[in-house]
Protein backbone atom coordinates (compact mmCIF):
# COMPACT_ATOMS: atom_id res chain seq x y z
CA UNK A 1 84.44 198.77 119.43
CA UNK A 2 84.79 195.30 118.30
CA UNK A 3 84.29 194.03 114.84
CA UNK A 4 81.72 191.29 114.54
CA UNK A 5 82.79 190.13 111.15
CA UNK A 6 84.65 186.87 111.14
CA UNK A 7 88.26 187.11 110.32
CA UNK A 8 89.51 184.72 107.65
CA UNK A 9 92.97 183.72 108.64
CA UNK A 10 93.21 181.05 105.89
CA UNK A 11 92.52 178.16 108.19
CA UNK A 12 89.24 176.41 108.10
CA UNK A 13 87.88 174.58 111.01
CA UNK A 14 87.84 171.17 109.22
CA UNK A 15 88.37 169.24 112.41
CA UNK A 16 85.28 170.76 113.89
CA UNK A 17 83.21 170.07 110.81
CA UNK A 18 84.56 166.54 110.15
CA UNK A 19 84.26 165.18 113.67
CA UNK A 20 80.54 165.50 114.00
CA UNK A 21 79.97 164.34 110.40
CA UNK A 22 82.32 161.33 110.51
CA UNK A 23 81.38 160.10 113.97
CA UNK A 24 77.84 159.16 112.92
CA UNK A 25 79.24 157.57 109.74
CA UNK A 26 81.85 155.62 111.73
CA UNK A 27 79.22 154.63 114.26
CA UNK A 28 76.86 153.54 111.47
CA UNK A 29 79.64 151.49 109.82
CA UNK A 30 80.46 149.81 113.13
CA UNK A 31 76.81 149.04 113.72
CA UNK A 32 76.48 147.66 110.18
CA UNK A 33 79.51 145.41 110.76
CA UNK A 34 78.07 144.22 114.06
CA UNK A 35 74.71 143.60 112.42
CA UNK A 36 76.35 141.60 109.62
CA UNK A 37 78.32 139.56 112.18
CA UNK A 38 75.18 138.87 114.21
CA UNK A 39 73.28 137.88 111.06
CA UNK A 40 76.13 135.54 110.07
CA UNK A 41 76.16 134.02 113.57
CA UNK A 42 72.39 133.57 113.36
CA UNK A 43 72.72 131.76 110.01
CA UNK A 44 75.40 129.46 111.46
CA UNK A 45 73.25 128.79 114.52
CA UNK A 46 70.24 127.95 112.35
CA UNK A 47 72.34 125.65 110.17
CA UNK A 48 73.77 123.92 113.22
CA UNK A 49 70.29 123.52 114.68
CA UNK A 50 69.08 121.95 111.42
CA UNK A 51 72.08 119.60 111.40
CA UNK A 52 71.42 118.55 114.99
CA UNK A 53 67.74 118.00 114.20
CA UNK A 54 68.59 115.90 111.11
CA UNK A 55 71.12 113.82 113.07
CA UNK A 56 68.57 113.24 115.83
CA UNK A 57 65.90 112.23 113.29
CA UNK A 58 68.35 109.84 111.61
CA UNK A 59 69.32 108.33 114.96
CA UNK A 60 65.66 107.80 115.83
CA UNK A 61 64.98 106.23 112.42
CA UNK A 62 68.04 103.98 112.79
CA UNK A 63 66.96 103.01 116.29
CA UNK A 64 63.56 101.98 114.95
CA UNK A 65 65.00 100.19 111.92
CA UNK A 66 67.77 98.36 113.75
CA UNK A 67 66.29 97.94 117.23
CA UNK A 68 66.06 94.19 116.79
CA UNK A 69 69.64 93.73 115.57
CA UNK A 70 70.87 91.99 118.71
CA UNK A 71 67.81 89.78 118.82
CA UNK A 72 68.19 88.98 115.12
CA UNK A 73 71.83 87.95 115.64
CA UNK A 74 70.78 85.70 118.50
CA UNK A 75 67.97 84.05 116.55
CA UNK A 76 70.28 83.20 113.62
CA UNK A 77 71.70 80.30 115.61
CA UNK A 78 68.16 78.93 116.02
CA UNK A 79 67.71 79.07 112.24
CA UNK A 80 71.10 77.36 111.77
CA UNK A 81 70.23 74.54 114.15
CA UNK A 82 66.81 74.03 112.60
CA UNK A 83 68.40 73.86 109.15
CA UNK A 84 71.03 71.40 110.38
CA UNK A 85 68.35 69.19 111.93
CA UNK A 86 66.40 69.06 108.67
CA UNK A 87 69.57 68.46 106.61
CA UNK A 88 70.59 65.57 108.87
CA UNK A 89 67.44 63.62 108.11
CA UNK A 90 68.01 60.70 105.77
CA UNK A 91 65.61 59.64 103.01
CA UNK A 92 64.58 56.61 105.10
CA UNK A 93 63.74 58.86 108.05
CA UNK A 94 61.74 61.18 105.79
CA UNK A 95 59.79 58.19 104.48
CA UNK A 96 59.05 56.83 107.97
CA UNK A 97 55.37 57.45 108.69
CA UNK A 98 55.97 57.58 112.43
CA UNK A 99 58.10 60.73 112.30
CA UNK A 100 56.60 62.33 109.18
CA UNK A 101 54.40 64.70 111.26
CA UNK A 102 57.49 65.79 113.20
CA UNK A 103 59.39 66.51 109.99
CA UNK A 104 56.41 68.39 108.56
CA UNK A 105 56.28 70.50 111.74
CA UNK A 106 60.01 71.24 111.56
CA UNK A 107 59.73 72.27 107.91
CA UNK A 108 56.73 74.51 108.69
CA UNK A 109 58.67 76.08 111.57
CA UNK A 110 61.63 76.77 109.26
CA UNK A 111 59.33 78.35 106.64
CA UNK A 112 57.72 80.53 109.29
CA UNK A 113 61.10 81.60 110.67
CA UNK A 114 62.33 82.50 107.18
CA UNK A 115 59.08 84.44 106.63
CA UNK A 116 59.69 86.40 109.84
CA UNK A 117 63.23 87.13 108.63
CA UNK A 118 61.87 88.41 105.32
CA UNK A 119 59.24 90.63 106.95
CA UNK A 120 61.92 92.19 109.14
CA UNK A 121 64.39 92.84 106.32
CA UNK A 122 66.76 89.99 107.24
CA UNK A 123 68.17 88.38 104.12
CA UNK A 124 70.71 85.66 103.50
CA UNK A 125 73.98 86.67 101.86
CA UNK A 126 74.67 84.96 98.55
CA UNK A 127 77.99 83.16 98.56
CA UNK A 128 78.56 80.08 96.38
CA UNK A 129 80.12 80.91 93.01
CA UNK A 130 80.70 84.57 93.84
CA UNK A 131 84.06 86.27 94.36
CA UNK A 132 85.06 86.73 98.00
CA UNK A 133 83.77 90.01 99.42
CA UNK A 134 85.48 90.72 102.75
CA UNK A 135 82.56 92.97 103.71
CA UNK A 136 80.14 90.03 103.57
CA UNK A 137 82.20 86.84 103.63
CA UNK A 138 84.73 85.44 106.06
CA UNK A 139 87.17 83.08 104.35
CA UNK A 140 87.81 80.12 106.62
CA UNK A 141 89.99 78.05 104.29
CA UNK A 142 91.29 77.74 100.76
CA UNK A 143 90.56 74.70 98.65
CA UNK A 144 92.63 73.81 95.58
CA UNK A 145 90.32 73.88 92.58
CA UNK A 146 90.81 73.61 88.86
CA UNK A 147 87.16 74.38 87.97
CA UNK A 148 86.78 77.70 89.86
CA UNK A 149 88.70 80.94 89.56
CA UNK A 150 91.01 81.69 92.48
CA UNK A 151 89.18 83.82 95.03
CA UNK A 152 85.78 82.35 94.14
CA UNK A 153 83.65 80.90 96.94
CA UNK A 154 83.26 77.15 96.47
CA UNK A 155 81.74 76.12 99.79
CA UNK A 156 79.62 77.75 102.51
CA UNK A 157 80.10 76.49 106.06
CA UNK A 158 77.72 78.95 107.70
CA UNK A 159 75.22 81.28 106.04
CA UNK A 160 75.65 85.00 106.45
CA UNK A 161 72.84 87.50 106.92
CA UNK A 162 72.19 91.21 106.57
CA UNK A 163 69.43 93.26 108.16
CA UNK A 164 68.38 95.90 105.67
CA UNK A 165 71.86 97.25 104.83
CA UNK A 166 73.73 96.20 107.98
CA UNK A 167 75.73 93.03 108.31
CA UNK A 168 74.40 90.75 111.03
CA UNK A 169 76.85 87.93 110.45
CA UNK A 170 79.33 87.27 107.63
CA UNK A 171 79.06 84.06 105.66
CA UNK A 172 81.82 81.62 106.60
CA UNK A 173 83.16 80.25 103.35
CA UNK A 174 85.86 78.24 101.62
CA UNK A 175 87.60 79.95 98.71
CA UNK A 176 89.13 78.36 95.63
CA UNK A 177 92.85 78.66 95.09
CA UNK A 178 94.92 77.72 92.07
CA UNK A 179 95.36 73.96 92.04
């Protein structure tokens, strides 16, 4: 007859009891790690999507704000020529009644053009009496001067312009040097 009572030989069946208990724990830990990695990847993907969206919105805003940049650069020469034409008129010519209407029309055209520039954010760069700023001024020559500090702009050959915060054309200037 056999004895049904378990025999205690001093060894416990730890391997049998640990394997089923630790496998679910290991599996749960692995799943938790995978979940954390997926959540982290999702956060990175969301952040990247927001960055792409912001860049696209900025590009669209810049395209709207600066769409006329090429046209504005081209029209600057028209403003220069109109200004030169008005500056070339002598006092006798301005007093001549025969061409007074023409001069009045040219002056009105210049005012209108400058108004259009202003409405579109195109402004003239200040130059005379300021220190040379290589971001806004292009030094064409140096003039010996005892009245101005070296590096100060003493003459403007061509006006410079900016459109909002972008340089359209640098001012071409003469800079004082120690005399």
